[in-house]
Amino acid sequence: MSYIFLLMEVLLVFLILVIFYRINKKEGLFQYILFMASILCVTMYKFITIMAFQINLGIPIIMGIFLCSNIIIQRFGEDEINKIIKSFICGYVITFVSLNLMGIVLPSEYVREGNVAFNNLFGFDFNIFRVFLGGLISISFMLWYNGNLYYYFRKSHNNILLSNVGSTLVIQFIESVIFVIISYGLSFELLELFGMIVMGYLIKIIIGIIGLVPIYMIVKMKDK
């Protein structure tokens, strides 16, 4: 069931990417990053279990943002890197702050009752902040480093397949390590952390390969 749910999330993430581009072209790509960053701030506190390891539900969304940034750089160059990062940070931070402000306004008895789903969205505590901070640091670094690495691949070979696969293999491993260590380093055993990094990385590679389809579709489209 977890595999099916993950696959459905991946397909939805890529479908939304194509829709955003079709509607607003270049600006639609930045709007997609902003929108997905907002969704990520809600979904990243949820786990699914795959092969006995807990996998963050936000992984497909992270890959959607990552591949969207590759499309922007492929089509419009490295000058857009700062705008990509700003779009992510705005959507991510504003959503987090808004949710926690809502948690202050909403009745506190929900938190006291131990409603996990409610607490993960509106209940501010140290563990939730660590996950938020882990996502902010790891994904911002991912977008910055990937922007430069992808542009290097693009300038050297100008091959969409090589650029995307090469950047995915390097960047997603680094992002996985940074995110897991910051977010869960004090909450899980070393073996569990290692499994989360490896399994998350492998899933990202698979999603990255699937994502070549919408990347080719969008890169080959002509702006009107």
N, C-alpha and C. Protein backbone atom coordinates (compact mmCIF):
# COMPACT_ATOMS: atom_id res chain seq x y z
N MET A 1 0.82 -1.20 0.00
CA MET A 1 0.00 0.00 0.00
C MET A 1 0.86 1.26 0.00
N SER A 2 1.98 1.24 0.76
CA SER A 2 2.88 2.38 0.82
C SER A 2 3.47 2.70 -0.55
N TYR A 3 3.80 1.64 -1.31
CA TYR A 3 4.38 1.84 -2.63
C TYR A 3 3.37 2.51 -3.57
N ILE A 4 2.13 2.06 -3.50
CA ILE A 4 1.09 2.63 -4.36
C ILE A 4 0.86 4.10 -4.02
N PHE A 5 0.79 4.39 -2.72
CA PHE A 5 0.58 5.77 -2.28
C PHE A 5 1.73 6.66 -2.74
N LEU A 6 2.96 6.16 -2.62
CA LEU A 6 4.13 6.94 -3.03
C LEU A 6 4.12 7.18 -4.53
N LEU A 7 3.75 6.16 -5.31
CA LEU A 7 3.70 6.31 -6.75
C LEU A 7 2.63 7.33 -7.15
N MET A 8 1.48 7.28 -6.51
CA MET A 8 0.41 8.24 -6.80
C MET A 8 0.87 9.66 -6.48
N GLU A 9 1.60 9.82 -5.39
CA GLU A 9 2.11 11.15 -5.03
C GLU A 9 3.10 11.64 -6.08
N VAL A 10 3.97 10.76 -6.55
CA VAL A 10 4.96 11.13 -7.58
C VAL A 10 4.26 11.59 -8.85
N LEU A 11 3.28 10.82 -9.31
CA LEU A 11 2.56 11.17 -10.54
C LEU A 11 1.82 12.49 -10.39
N LEU A 12 1.23 12.72 -9.22
CA LEU A 12 0.51 13.97 -8.98
C LEU A 12 1.47 15.16 -8.98
N VAL A 13 2.63 14.99 -8.36
CA VAL A 13 3.63 16.06 -8.31
C VAL A 13 4.06 16.46 -9.72
N PHE A 14 4.29 15.49 -10.58
CA PHE A 14 4.73 15.79 -11.94
C PHE A 14 3.60 16.32 -12.81
N LEU A 15 2.38 15.84 -12.57
CA LEU A 15 1.22 16.36 -13.31
C LEU A 15 1.01 17.84 -12.99
N ILE A 16 1.11 18.20 -11.73
CA ILE A 16 0.96 19.59 -11.33
C ILE A 16 2.05 20.46 -11.95
N LEU A 17 3.27 19.92 -12.05
CA LEU A 17 4.37 20.64 -12.68
C LEU A 17 4.04 21.00 -14.13
N VAL A 18 3.55 20.03 -14.88
CA VAL A 18 3.20 20.28 -16.28
C VAL A 18 2.07 21.29 -16.38
N ILE A 19 1.08 21.19 -15.50
CA ILE A 19 -0.06 22.11 -15.52
C ILE A 19 0.40 23.54 -15.24
N PHE A 20 1.24 23.72 -14.22
CA PHE A 20 1.73 25.06 -13.89
C PHE A 20 2.50 25.65 -15.07
N TYR A 21 3.29 24.81 -15.75
CA TYR A 21 4.05 25.35 -16.88
C TYR A 21 3.13 25.71 -18.05
N ARG A 22 2.17 24.87 -18.32
CA ARG A 22 1.25 25.14 -19.42
C ARG A 22 0.47 26.44 -19.21
N ILE A 23 0.14 26.74 -17.97
CA ILE A 23 -0.68 27.91 -17.67
C ILE A 23 0.14 29.20 -17.72
N ASN A 24 1.31 29.20 -17.04
CA ASN A 24 2.07 30.45 -16.90
C ASN A 24 3.51 30.38 -17.41
N LYS A 25 3.86 29.32 -18.12
CA LYS A 25 5.19 29.19 -18.72
C LYS A 25 6.30 29.38 -17.68
N LYS A 26 7.24 30.28 -17.93
CA LYS A 26 8.39 30.45 -17.04
C LYS A 26 7.96 30.81 -15.63
N GLU A 27 7.07 31.79 -15.48
CA GLU A 27 6.63 32.18 -14.15
C GLU A 27 5.89 31.05 -13.45
N GLY A 28 5.25 30.20 -14.24
CA GLY A 28 4.56 29.06 -13.67
C GLY A 28 5.51 28.11 -12.96
N LEU A 29 6.74 28.01 -13.44
CA LEU A 29 7.73 27.14 -12.80
C LEU A 29 8.10 27.67 -11.40
N PHE A 30 8.26 28.99 -11.30
CA PHE A 30 8.56 29.57 -9.99
C PHE A 30 7.35 29.48 -9.07
N GLN A 31 6.15 29.65 -9.63
CA GLN A 31 4.93 29.49 -8.84
C GLN A 31 4.79 28.06 -8.34
N TYR A 32 5.21 27.11 -9.16
CA TYR A 32 5.18 25.70 -8.76
C TYR A 32 6.09 25.46 -7.56
N ILE A 33 7.30 26.01 -7.60
CA ILE A 33 8.22 25.85 -6.47
C ILE A 33 7.63 26.47 -5.21
N LEU A 34 7.04 27.64 -5.33
CA LEU A 34 6.41 28.30 -4.19
C LEU A 34 5.27 27.46 -3.63
N PHE A 35 4.44 26.94 -4.52
CA PHE A 35 3.29 26.12 -4.11
C PHE A 35 3.74 24.82 -3.47
N MET A 36 4.70 24.14 -4.09
CA MET A 36 5.17 22.86 -3.56
C MET A 36 5.92 23.03 -2.23
N ALA A 37 6.61 24.14 -2.08
CA ALA A 37 7.28 24.40 -0.80
C ALA A 37 6.25 24.52 0.32
N SER A 38 5.11 25.13 0.01
CA SER A 38 4.03 25.26 1.00
C SER A 38 3.46 23.89 1.36
N ILE A 39 3.23 23.06 0.35
CA ILE A 39 2.71 21.71 0.59
C ILE A 39 3.72 20.87 1.35
N LEU A 40 5.00 21.03 1.02
CA LEU A 40 6.06 20.27 1.69
C LEU A 40 6.08 20.55 3.19
N CYS A 41 5.85 21.80 3.56
CA CYS A 41 5.88 22.17 4.97
C CYS A 41 4.78 21.48 5.77
N VAL A 42 3.76 20.97 5.07
CA VAL A 42 2.67 20.25 5.74
C VAL A 42 2.93 18.74 5.74
N THR A 43 3.50 18.21 4.65
CA THR A 43 3.62 16.76 4.47
C THR A 43 4.88 16.16 5.07
N MET A 44 5.90 16.96 5.31
CA MET A 44 7.20 16.39 5.68
C MET A 44 7.25 15.83 7.10
N TYR A 45 6.20 16.01 7.89
CA TYR A 45 6.18 15.45 9.24
C TYR A 45 5.55 14.06 9.27
N LYS A 46 5.12 13.58 8.11
CA LYS A 46 4.46 12.28 8.01
C LYS A 46 5.42 11.26 7.44
N PHE A 47 5.39 10.02 7.97
CA PHE A 47 6.24 8.93 7.50
C PHE A 47 5.39 7.86 6.83
N ILE A 48 6.01 7.15 5.90
CA ILE A 48 5.50 5.86 5.45
C ILE A 48 6.63 4.85 5.62
N THR A 49 6.28 3.59 5.83
CA THR A 49 7.29 2.55 6.06
C THR A 49 7.54 1.76 4.79
N ILE A 50 8.79 1.71 4.38
CA ILE A 50 9.21 0.94 3.20
C ILE A 50 10.41 0.10 3.59
N MET A 51 10.27 -1.22 3.47
CA MET A 51 11.34 -2.16 3.82
C MET A 51 11.85 -1.92 5.23
N ALA A 52 10.93 -1.74 6.16
CA ALA A 52 11.19 -1.59 7.59
C ALA A 52 11.80 -0.25 7.97
N PHE A 53 12.00 0.66 7.01
CA PHE A 53 12.54 1.97 7.32
C PHE A 53 11.48 3.03 7.11
N GLN A 54 11.48 4.04 7.97
CA GLN A 54 10.53 5.13 7.85
C GLN A 54 11.04 6.14 6.83
N ILE A 55 10.20 6.42 5.84
CA ILE A 55 10.56 7.31 4.75
C ILE A 55 9.67 8.54 4.81
N ASN A 56 10.29 9.69 4.69
CA ASN A 56 9.56 10.95 4.76
C ASN A 56 8.62 11.09 3.57
N LEU A 57 7.37 11.47 3.86
CA LEU A 57 6.36 11.59 2.81
C LEU A 57 6.62 12.76 1.87
N GLY A 58 7.50 13.66 2.29
CA GLY A 58 7.78 14.83 1.47
C GLY A 58 8.78 14.59 0.36
N ILE A 59 9.35 13.39 0.26
CA ILE A 59 10.39 13.12 -0.74
C ILE A 59 9.94 13.40 -2.18
N PRO A 60 8.75 12.93 -2.62
CA PRO A 60 8.33 13.24 -4.00
C PRO A 60 8.22 14.74 -4.25
N ILE A 61 7.79 15.50 -3.24
CA ILE A 61 7.66 16.94 -3.41
C ILE A 61 9.04 17.59 -3.50
N ILE A 62 9.98 17.12 -2.69
CA ILE A 62 11.36 17.61 -2.77
C ILE A 62 11.91 17.38 -4.17
N MET A 63 11.65 16.20 -4.72
CA MET A 63 12.14 15.89 -6.07
C MET A 63 11.42 16.73 -7.13
N GLY A 64 10.16 17.04 -6.90
CA GLY A 64 9.46 17.92 -7.83
C GLY A 64 10.10 19.29 -7.87
N ILE A 65 10.43 19.83 -6.70
CA ILE A 65 11.11 21.13 -6.62
C ILE A 65 12.50 21.05 -7.27
N PHE A 66 13.20 19.98 -6.98
CA PHE A 66 14.55 19.77 -7.53
C PHE A 66 14.53 19.72 -9.07
N LEU A 67 13.65 18.91 -9.62
CA LEU A 67 13.59 18.76 -11.08
C LEU A 67 13.06 20.01 -11.75
N CYS A 68 12.16 20.73 -11.07
CA CYS A 68 11.69 22.00 -11.61
C CYS A 68 12.84 23.00 -11.71
N SER A 69 13.70 23.01 -10.69
CA SER A 69 14.87 23.90 -10.74
C SER A 69 15.79 23.53 -11.90
N ASN A 70 15.91 22.22 -12.19
CA ASN A 70 16.72 21.80 -13.33
C ASN A 70 16.13 22.30 -14.65
N ILE A 71 14.82 22.26 -14.76
CA ILE A 71 14.16 22.75 -15.97
C ILE A 71 14.43 24.24 -16.15
N ILE A 72 14.32 24.99 -15.06
CA ILE A 72 14.55 26.44 -15.14
C ILE A 72 15.97 26.74 -15.59
N ILE A 73 16.93 26.05 -15.01
CA ILE A 73 18.33 26.30 -15.36
C ILE A 73 18.62 25.84 -16.78
N GLN A 74 18.05 24.70 -17.18
CA GLN A 74 18.24 24.20 -18.54
C GLN A 74 17.74 25.20 -19.58
N ARG A 75 16.60 25.82 -19.29
CA ARG A 75 15.98 26.71 -20.26
C ARG A 75 16.43 28.16 -20.13
N PHE A 76 16.71 28.61 -18.89
CA PHE A 76 16.91 30.04 -18.70
C PHE A 76 18.25 30.41 -18.07
N GLY A 77 19.06 29.41 -17.69
CA GLY A 77 20.41 29.69 -17.23
C GLY A 77 20.57 29.86 -15.73
N GLU A 78 21.84 30.01 -15.31
CA GLU A 78 22.18 30.04 -13.89
C GLU A 78 21.79 31.34 -13.19
N ASP A 79 21.43 32.37 -13.94
CA ASP A 79 21.03 33.63 -13.32
C ASP A 79 19.73 33.49 -12.51
N GLU A 80 19.01 32.38 -12.73
CA GLU A 80 17.73 32.18 -12.04
C GLU A 80 17.89 31.44 -10.70
N ILE A 81 19.11 31.07 -10.33
CA ILE A 81 19.31 30.27 -9.12
C ILE A 81 18.79 30.99 -7.87
N ASN A 82 19.14 32.27 -7.73
CA ASN A 82 18.70 33.01 -6.55
C ASN A 82 17.18 33.11 -6.48
N LYS A 83 16.54 33.30 -7.60
CA LYS A 83 15.08 33.39 -7.62
C LYS A 83 14.45 32.05 -7.26
N ILE A 84 15.07 30.96 -7.68
CA ILE A 84 14.59 29.62 -7.32
C ILE A 84 14.62 29.44 -5.80
N ILE A 85 15.77 29.80 -5.20
CA ILE A 85 15.93 29.63 -3.75
C ILE A 85 14.95 30.52 -3.00
N LYS A 86 14.80 31.77 -3.44
CA LYS A 86 13.88 32.69 -2.79
C LYS A 86 12.43 32.19 -2.87
N SER A 87 12.06 31.62 -4.01
CA SER A 87 10.70 31.09 -4.17
C SER A 87 10.45 29.96 -3.18
N PHE A 88 11.43 29.07 -3.02
CA PHE A 88 11.29 27.97 -2.06
C PHE A 88 11.19 28.49 -0.64
N ILE A 89 12.11 29.37 -0.25
CA ILE A 89 12.15 29.85 1.13
C ILE A 89 10.86 30.60 1.49
N CYS A 90 10.36 31.41 0.57
CA CYS A 90 9.13 32.16 0.83
C CYS A 90 7.96 31.21 1.11
N GLY A 91 7.74 30.25 0.22
CA GLY A 91 6.62 29.32 0.40
C GLY A 91 6.78 28.47 1.65
N TYR A 92 7.99 28.04 1.93
CA TYR A 92 8.27 27.13 3.05
C TYR A 92 8.14 27.84 4.40
N VAL A 93 8.79 28.99 4.52
CA VAL A 93 8.82 29.70 5.80
C VAL A 93 7.46 30.33 6.10
N ILE A 94 6.83 30.95 5.11
CA ILE A 94 5.53 31.58 5.34
C ILE A 94 4.50 30.56 5.79
N THR A 95 4.51 29.37 5.18
CA THR A 95 3.56 28.33 5.58
C THR A 95 3.82 27.87 7.01
N PHE A 96 5.09 27.67 7.36
CA PHE A 96 5.43 27.22 8.71
C PHE A 96 5.00 28.25 9.76
N VAL A 97 5.30 29.51 9.50
CA VAL A 97 4.93 30.57 10.45
C VAL A 97 3.41 30.68 10.55
N SER A 98 2.73 30.59 9.42
CA SER A 98 1.26 30.70 9.43
C SER A 98 0.63 29.57 10.22
N LEU A 99 1.11 28.36 10.05
CA LEU A 99 0.56 27.22 10.77
C LEU A 99 0.77 27.34 12.27
N ASN A 100 1.93 27.83 12.66
CA ASN A 100 2.20 27.97 14.09
C ASN A 100 1.42 29.12 14.71
N LEU A 101 1.18 30.17 13.94
CA LEU A 101 0.32 31.24 14.43
C LEU A 101 -1.10 30.75 14.60
N MET A 102 -1.55 29.89 13.68
CA MET A 102 -2.88 29.29 13.82
C MET A 102 -2.94 28.42 15.05
N GLY A 103 -1.84 27.74 15.37
CA GLY A 103 -1.80 26.91 16.56
C GLY A 103 -1.94 27.70 17.84
N ILE A 104 -1.48 28.96 17.80
CA ILE A 104 -1.63 29.82 18.97
C ILE A 104 -3.08 30.28 19.12
N VAL A 105 -3.71 30.55 17.98
CA VAL A 105 -5.08 31.06 18.01
C VAL A 105 -6.09 29.97 18.32
N LEU A 106 -5.87 28.75 17.76
CA LEU A 106 -6.83 27.66 17.95
C LEU A 106 -6.82 27.17 19.39
N PRO A 107 -7.93 26.56 19.85
CA PRO A 107 -8.01 26.10 21.24
C PRO A 107 -6.89 25.14 21.61
N SER A 108 -6.26 25.37 22.75
CA SER A 108 -5.09 24.60 23.15
C SER A 108 -5.43 23.19 23.61
N GLU A 109 -6.72 22.89 23.95
CA GLU A 109 -7.05 21.56 24.44
C GLU A 109 -6.78 20.48 23.40
N TYR A 110 -6.76 20.84 22.11
CA TYR A 110 -6.45 19.85 21.08
C TYR A 110 -5.03 19.33 21.26
N VAL A 111 -4.12 20.22 21.58
CA VAL A 111 -2.73 19.82 21.78
C VAL A 111 -2.61 18.95 23.03
N ARG A 112 -3.31 19.33 24.09
CA ARG A 112 -3.21 18.57 25.33
C ARG A 112 -3.78 17.16 25.21
N GLU A 113 -4.72 16.97 24.28
CA GLU A 113 -5.31 15.65 24.11
C GLU A 113 -4.38 14.69 23.40
N GLY A 114 -3.26 15.17 22.92
CA GLY A 114 -2.29 14.27 22.28
C GLY A 114 -2.66 13.90 20.86
N ASN A 115 -3.36 14.77 20.18
CA ASN A 115 -3.72 14.54 18.79
C ASN A 115 -2.47 14.74 17.93
N VAL A 116 -1.85 13.63 17.50
CA VAL A 116 -0.57 13.68 16.79
C VAL A 116 -0.68 14.45 15.48
N ALA A 117 -1.74 14.17 14.71
CA ALA A 117 -1.91 14.85 13.43
C ALA A 117 -2.03 16.35 13.62
N PHE A 118 -2.80 16.75 14.65
CA PHE A 118 -2.96 18.18 14.93
C PHE A 118 -1.64 18.80 15.38
N ASN A 119 -0.95 18.12 16.27
CA ASN A 119 0.30 18.64 16.80
C ASN A 119 1.35 18.81 15.71
N ASN A 120 1.38 17.88 14.76
CA ASN A 120 2.36 17.96 13.68
C ASN A 120 2.14 19.17 12.78
N LEU A 121 0.91 19.66 12.74
CA LEU A 121 0.60 20.83 11.92
C LEU A 121 0.64 22.12 12.73
N PHE A 122 0.07 22.08 13.94
CA PHE A 122 -0.12 23.31 14.69
C PHE A 122 0.60 23.36 16.04
N GLY A 123 1.13 22.24 16.48
CA GLY A 123 1.76 22.21 17.80
C GLY A 123 3.26 22.42 17.71
N PHE A 124 3.73 23.58 18.11
CA PHE A 124 5.15 23.90 18.00
C PHE A 124 5.94 23.20 19.10
N ASP A 125 6.94 22.42 18.73
CA ASP A 125 7.87 21.86 19.71
C ASP A 125 9.23 21.70 19.05
N PHE A 126 10.22 21.27 19.83
CA PHE A 126 11.60 21.23 19.35
C PHE A 126 11.77 20.25 18.19
N ASN A 127 11.14 19.07 18.27
CA ASN A 127 11.29 18.06 17.22
C ASN A 127 10.71 18.54 15.89
N ILE A 128 9.56 19.19 15.95
CA ILE A 128 8.95 19.73 14.73
C ILE A 128 9.84 20.83 14.15
N PHE A 129 10.39 21.67 15.02
CA PHE A 129 11.27 22.74 14.53
C PHE A 129 12.52 22.16 13.88
N ARG A 130 13.04 21.06 14.44
CA ARG A 130 14.22 20.43 13.84
C ARG A 130 13.94 19.94 12.43
N VAL A 131 12.77 19.33 12.23
CA VAL A 131 12.41 18.86 10.89
C VAL A 131 12.26 20.05 9.94
N PHE A 132 11.61 21.09 10.42
CA PHE A 132 11.47 22.31 9.61
C PHE A 132 12.84 22.87 9.24
N LEU A 133 13.72 22.99 10.24
CA LEU A 133 15.06 23.53 10.00
C LEU A 133 15.87 22.62 9.09
N GLY A 134 15.74 21.30 9.28
CA GLY A 134 16.43 20.35 8.40
C GLY A 134 16.02 20.52 6.95
N GLY A 135 14.73 20.69 6.72
CA GLY A 135 14.25 20.90 5.36
C GLY A 135 14.72 22.22 4.79
N LEU A 136 14.67 23.27 5.60
CA LEU A 136 15.09 24.60 5.13
C LEU A 136 16.55 24.61 4.72
N ILE A 137 17.41 24.05 5.58
CA ILE A 137 18.85 24.07 5.29
C ILE A 137 19.21 23.13 4.15
N SER A 138 18.71 21.89 4.20
CA SER A 138 19.11 20.90 3.21
C SER A 138 18.60 21.24 1.81
N ILE A 139 17.37 21.70 1.70
CA ILE A 139 16.80 21.99 0.38
C ILE A 139 17.34 23.29 -0.18
N SER A 140 17.55 24.30 0.67
CA SER A 140 18.17 25.54 0.19
C SER A 140 19.57 25.26 -0.34
N PHE A 141 20.33 24.45 0.41
CA PHE A 141 21.67 24.08 -0.05
C PHE A 141 21.58 23.26 -1.33
N MET A 142 20.62 22.34 -1.38
CA MET A 142 20.41 21.51 -2.58
C MET A 142 20.18 22.38 -3.81
N LEU A 143 19.31 23.37 -3.69
CA LEU A 143 18.99 24.22 -4.83
C LEU A 143 20.17 25.07 -5.26
N TRP A 144 20.93 25.57 -4.28
CA TRP A 144 22.09 26.38 -4.62
C TRP A 144 23.20 25.55 -5.27
N TYR A 145 23.57 24.46 -4.62
CA TYR A 145 24.65 23.62 -5.14
C TYR A 145 24.26 22.96 -6.45
N ASN A 146 23.02 22.50 -6.52
CA ASN A 146 22.55 21.86 -7.75
C ASN A 146 22.52 22.85 -8.91
N GLY A 147 22.14 24.10 -8.61
CA GLY A 147 22.11 25.10 -9.68
C GLY A 147 23.46 25.25 -10.35
N ASN A 148 24.50 25.30 -9.54
CA ASN A 148 25.85 25.44 -10.09
C ASN A 148 26.33 24.16 -10.76
N LEU A 149 26.04 23.01 -10.14
CA LEU A 149 26.47 21.74 -10.71
C LEU A 149 25.73 21.44 -12.00
N TYR A 150 24.41 21.67 -12.01
CA TYR A 150 23.63 21.39 -13.21
C TYR A 150 24.07 22.30 -14.35
N TYR A 151 24.34 23.56 -14.04
CA TYR A 151 24.79 24.48 -15.09
C TYR A 151 26.13 24.04 -15.66
N TYR A 152 26.98 23.48 -14.79
CA TYR A 152 28.27 22.97 -15.27
C TYR A 152 28.06 21.82 -16.25
N PHE A 153 27.17 20.87 -15.89
CA PHE A 153 26.85 19.76 -16.80
C PHE A 153 26.27 20.29 -18.10
N ARG A 154 25.36 21.24 -17.98
CA ARG A 154 24.69 21.79 -19.17
C ARG A 154 25.69 22.48 -20.08
N LYS A 155 26.60 23.26 -19.48
CA LYS A 155 27.59 23.98 -20.28
C LYS A 155 28.60 23.04 -20.91
N SER A 156 28.95 21.96 -20.20
CA SER A 156 29.97 21.03 -20.70
C SER A 156 29.44 20.09 -21.77
N HIS A 157 28.19 19.58 -21.59
CA HIS A 157 27.68 18.55 -22.50
C HIS A 157 26.35 18.91 -23.16
N ASN A 158 25.57 19.77 -22.52
CA ASN A 158 24.24 20.16 -23.02
C ASN A 158 23.40 18.94 -23.37
N ASN A 159 23.42 17.96 -22.46
CA ASN A 159 22.65 16.74 -22.63
C ASN A 159 21.69 16.63 -21.44
N ILE A 160 20.40 16.67 -21.72
CA ILE A 160 19.40 16.70 -20.64
C ILE A 160 19.51 15.46 -19.76
N LEU A 161 19.66 14.31 -20.39
CA LEU A 161 19.74 13.06 -19.63
C LEU A 161 20.95 13.06 -18.71
N LEU A 162 22.13 13.37 -19.24
CA LEU A 162 23.35 13.38 -18.45
C LEU A 162 23.30 14.42 -17.34
N SER A 163 22.79 15.60 -17.66
CA SER A 163 22.74 16.68 -16.68
C SER A 163 21.84 16.31 -15.50
N ASN A 164 20.66 15.77 -15.79
CA ASN A 164 19.71 15.45 -14.73
C ASN A 164 20.14 14.24 -13.91
N VAL A 165 20.59 13.19 -14.56
CA VAL A 165 21.02 12.00 -13.83
C VAL A 165 22.27 12.31 -13.01
N GLY A 166 23.23 13.02 -13.61
CA GLY A 166 24.46 13.36 -12.90
C GLY A 166 24.20 14.21 -11.68
N SER A 167 23.40 15.24 -11.83
CA SER A 167 23.11 16.12 -10.69
C SER A 167 22.28 15.41 -9.63
N THR A 168 21.37 14.54 -10.05
CA THR A 168 20.55 13.79 -9.09
C THR A 168 21.41 12.86 -8.24
N LEU A 169 22.32 12.13 -8.87
CA LEU A 169 23.17 11.19 -8.14
C LEU A 169 24.02 11.87 -7.07
N VAL A 170 24.54 13.04 -7.40
CA VAL A 170 25.43 13.74 -6.46
C VAL A 170 24.63 14.51 -5.42
N ILE A 171 23.71 15.34 -5.87
CA ILE A 171 23.03 16.28 -4.99
C ILE A 171 22.10 15.59 -4.01
N GLN A 172 21.36 14.58 -4.48
CA GLN A 172 20.37 13.96 -3.60
C GLN A 172 20.99 13.17 -2.46
N PHE A 173 22.18 12.65 -2.67
CA PHE A 173 22.86 11.97 -1.56
C PHE A 173 23.23 12.99 -0.48
N ILE A 174 23.79 14.12 -0.91
CA ILE A 174 24.18 15.16 0.05
C ILE A 174 22.95 15.69 0.78
N GLU A 175 21.87 15.95 0.05
CA GLU A 175 20.65 16.47 0.66
C GLU A 175 20.07 15.49 1.67
N SER A 176 20.09 14.21 1.32
CA SER A 176 19.55 13.18 2.22
C SER A 176 20.32 13.12 3.52
N VAL A 177 21.64 13.19 3.44
CA VAL A 177 22.48 13.13 4.64
C VAL A 177 22.21 14.34 5.53
N ILE A 178 22.22 15.54 4.94
CA ILE A 178 22.02 16.76 5.72
C ILE A 178 20.64 16.75 6.39
N PHE A 179 19.60 16.41 5.62
CA PHE A 179 18.25 16.44 6.17
C PHE A 179 18.06 15.45 7.31
N VAL A 180 18.49 14.21 7.12
CA VAL A 180 18.28 13.18 8.14
C VAL A 180 19.06 13.49 9.40
N ILE A 181 20.29 13.95 9.27
CA ILE A 181 21.11 14.24 10.46
C ILE A 181 20.51 15.39 11.27
N ILE A 182 20.13 16.48 10.59
CA ILE A 182 19.57 17.63 11.31
C ILE A 182 18.20 17.30 11.90
N SER A 183 17.36 16.60 11.13
CA SER A 183 15.97 16.39 11.53
C SER A 183 15.80 15.26 12.54
N TYR A 184 16.58 14.19 12.39
CA TYR A 184 16.32 12.99 13.19
C TYR A 184 17.55 12.46 13.92
N GLY A 185 18.65 13.22 13.92
CA GLY A 185 19.89 12.73 14.49
C GLY A 185 19.81 12.34 15.95
N LEU A 186 18.93 12.98 16.71
CA LEU A 186 18.82 12.68 18.14
C LEU A 186 17.63 11.78 18.45
N SER A 187 16.88 11.37 17.42
CA SER A 187 15.64 10.64 17.65
C SER A 187 15.71 9.16 17.27
N PHE A 188 16.70 8.77 16.46
CA PHE A 188 16.79 7.40 15.98
C PHE A 188 18.19 6.84 16.22
N GLU A 189 18.27 5.51 16.22
CA GLU A 189 19.57 4.85 16.32
C GLU A 189 20.36 5.02 15.03
N LEU A 190 21.67 4.81 15.12
CA LEU A 190 22.56 5.02 13.98
C LEU A 190 22.16 4.17 12.78
N LEU A 191 21.81 2.89 13.02
CA LEU A 191 21.40 2.00 11.93
C LEU A 191 20.14 2.50 11.25
N GLU A 192 19.20 3.00 12.06
CA GLU A 192 17.96 3.52 11.48
C GLU A 192 18.23 4.78 10.65
N LEU A 193 19.10 5.63 11.13
CA LEU A 193 19.47 6.83 10.38
C LEU A 193 20.11 6.47 9.05
N PHE A 194 21.02 5.49 9.10
CA PHE A 194 21.68 5.03 7.87
C PHE A 194 20.66 4.48 6.88
N GLY A 195 19.72 3.69 7.39
CA GLY A 195 18.69 3.13 6.52
C GLY A 195 17.80 4.19 5.93
N MET A 196 17.46 5.21 6.71
CA MET A 196 16.64 6.31 6.20
C MET A 196 17.36 7.07 5.10
N ILE A 197 18.66 7.28 5.28
CA ILE A 197 19.44 7.99 4.25
C ILE A 197 19.51 7.17 2.97
N VAL A 198 19.88 5.90 3.09
CA VAL A 198 20.06 5.05 1.91
C VAL A 198 18.74 4.83 1.19
N MET A 199 17.68 4.47 1.95
CA MET A 199 16.40 4.20 1.31
C MET A 199 15.82 5.46 0.68
N GLY A 200 15.94 6.58 1.39
CA GLY A 200 15.46 7.84 0.84
C GLY A 200 16.20 8.22 -0.43
N TYR A 201 17.52 7.99 -0.43
CA TYR A 201 18.34 8.30 -1.60
C TYR A 201 17.95 7.44 -2.79
N LEU A 202 17.75 6.15 -2.57
CA LEU A 202 17.36 5.26 -3.67
C LEU A 202 16.00 5.66 -4.24
N ILE A 203 15.07 6.01 -3.37
CA ILE A 203 13.75 6.44 -3.85
C ILE A 203 13.87 7.72 -4.68
N LYS A 204 14.73 8.62 -4.25
CA LYS A 204 14.93 9.86 -5.01
C LYS A 204 15.53 9.59 -6.38
N ILE A 205 16.44 8.62 -6.47
CA ILE A 205 17.02 8.28 -7.76
C ILE A 205 15.93 7.74 -8.70
N ILE A 206 15.07 6.88 -8.18
CA ILE A 206 13.98 6.33 -8.99
C ILE A 206 13.04 7.43 -9.45
N ILE A 207 12.68 8.33 -8.52
CA ILE A 207 11.80 9.45 -8.88
C ILE A 207 12.47 10.35 -9.91
N GLY A 208 13.78 10.56 -9.75
CA GLY A 208 14.52 11.38 -10.70
C GLY A 208 14.49 10.80 -12.10
N ILE A 209 14.57 9.47 -12.21
CA ILE A 209 14.51 8.82 -13.52
C ILE A 209 13.11 8.97 -14.12
N ILE A 210 12.08 8.74 -13.30
CA ILE A 210 10.70 8.93 -13.77
C ILE A 210 10.49 10.38 -14.21
N GLY A 211 11.11 11.30 -13.47
CA GLY A 211 10.94 12.72 -13.76
C GLY A 211 11.55 13.18 -15.07
N LEU A 212 12.35 12.33 -15.71
CA LEU A 212 12.90 12.70 -17.02
C LEU A 212 11.79 12.91 -18.06
N VAL A 213 10.67 12.23 -17.86
CA VAL A 213 9.55 12.37 -18.82
C VAL A 213 8.99 13.78 -18.82
N PRO A 214 8.53 14.32 -17.66
CA PRO A 214 8.04 15.70 -17.68
C PRO A 214 9.13 16.72 -18.01
N ILE A 215 10.38 16.42 -17.66
CA ILE A 215 11.46 17.34 -17.99
C ILE A 215 11.60 17.49 -19.50
N TYR A 216 11.61 16.36 -20.21
CA TYR A 216 11.70 16.40 -21.67
C TYR A 216 10.50 17.12 -22.26
N MET A 217 9.32 16.86 -21.72
CA MET A 217 8.10 17.49 -22.22
C MET A 217 8.18 19.01 -22.12
N ILE A 218 8.61 19.50 -20.94
CA ILE A 218 8.63 20.94 -20.71
C ILE A 218 9.78 21.62 -21.43
N VAL A 219 10.95 21.01 -21.43
CA VAL A 219 12.11 21.62 -22.09
C VAL A 219 11.86 21.76 -23.60
N LYS A 220 11.15 20.79 -24.18
CA LYS A 220 10.91 20.82 -25.62
C LYS A 220 9.72 21.67 -26.01
N MET A 221 8.90 22.08 -25.02
CA MET A 221 7.77 22.97 -25.34
C MET A 221 8.28 24.34 -25.72
N LYS A 222 7.54 25.00 -26.60
CA LYS A 222 7.89 26.35 -27.01
C LYS A 222 7.01 27.35 -26.26
N ASP A 223 7.64 28.37 -25.66
CA ASP A 223 6.86 29.43 -25.02
C ASP A 223 6.13 30.24 -26.08
N LYS A 224 4.87 30.54 -25.81
CA LYS A 224 4.08 31.33 -26.79
C LYS A 224 3.82 32.73 -26.21
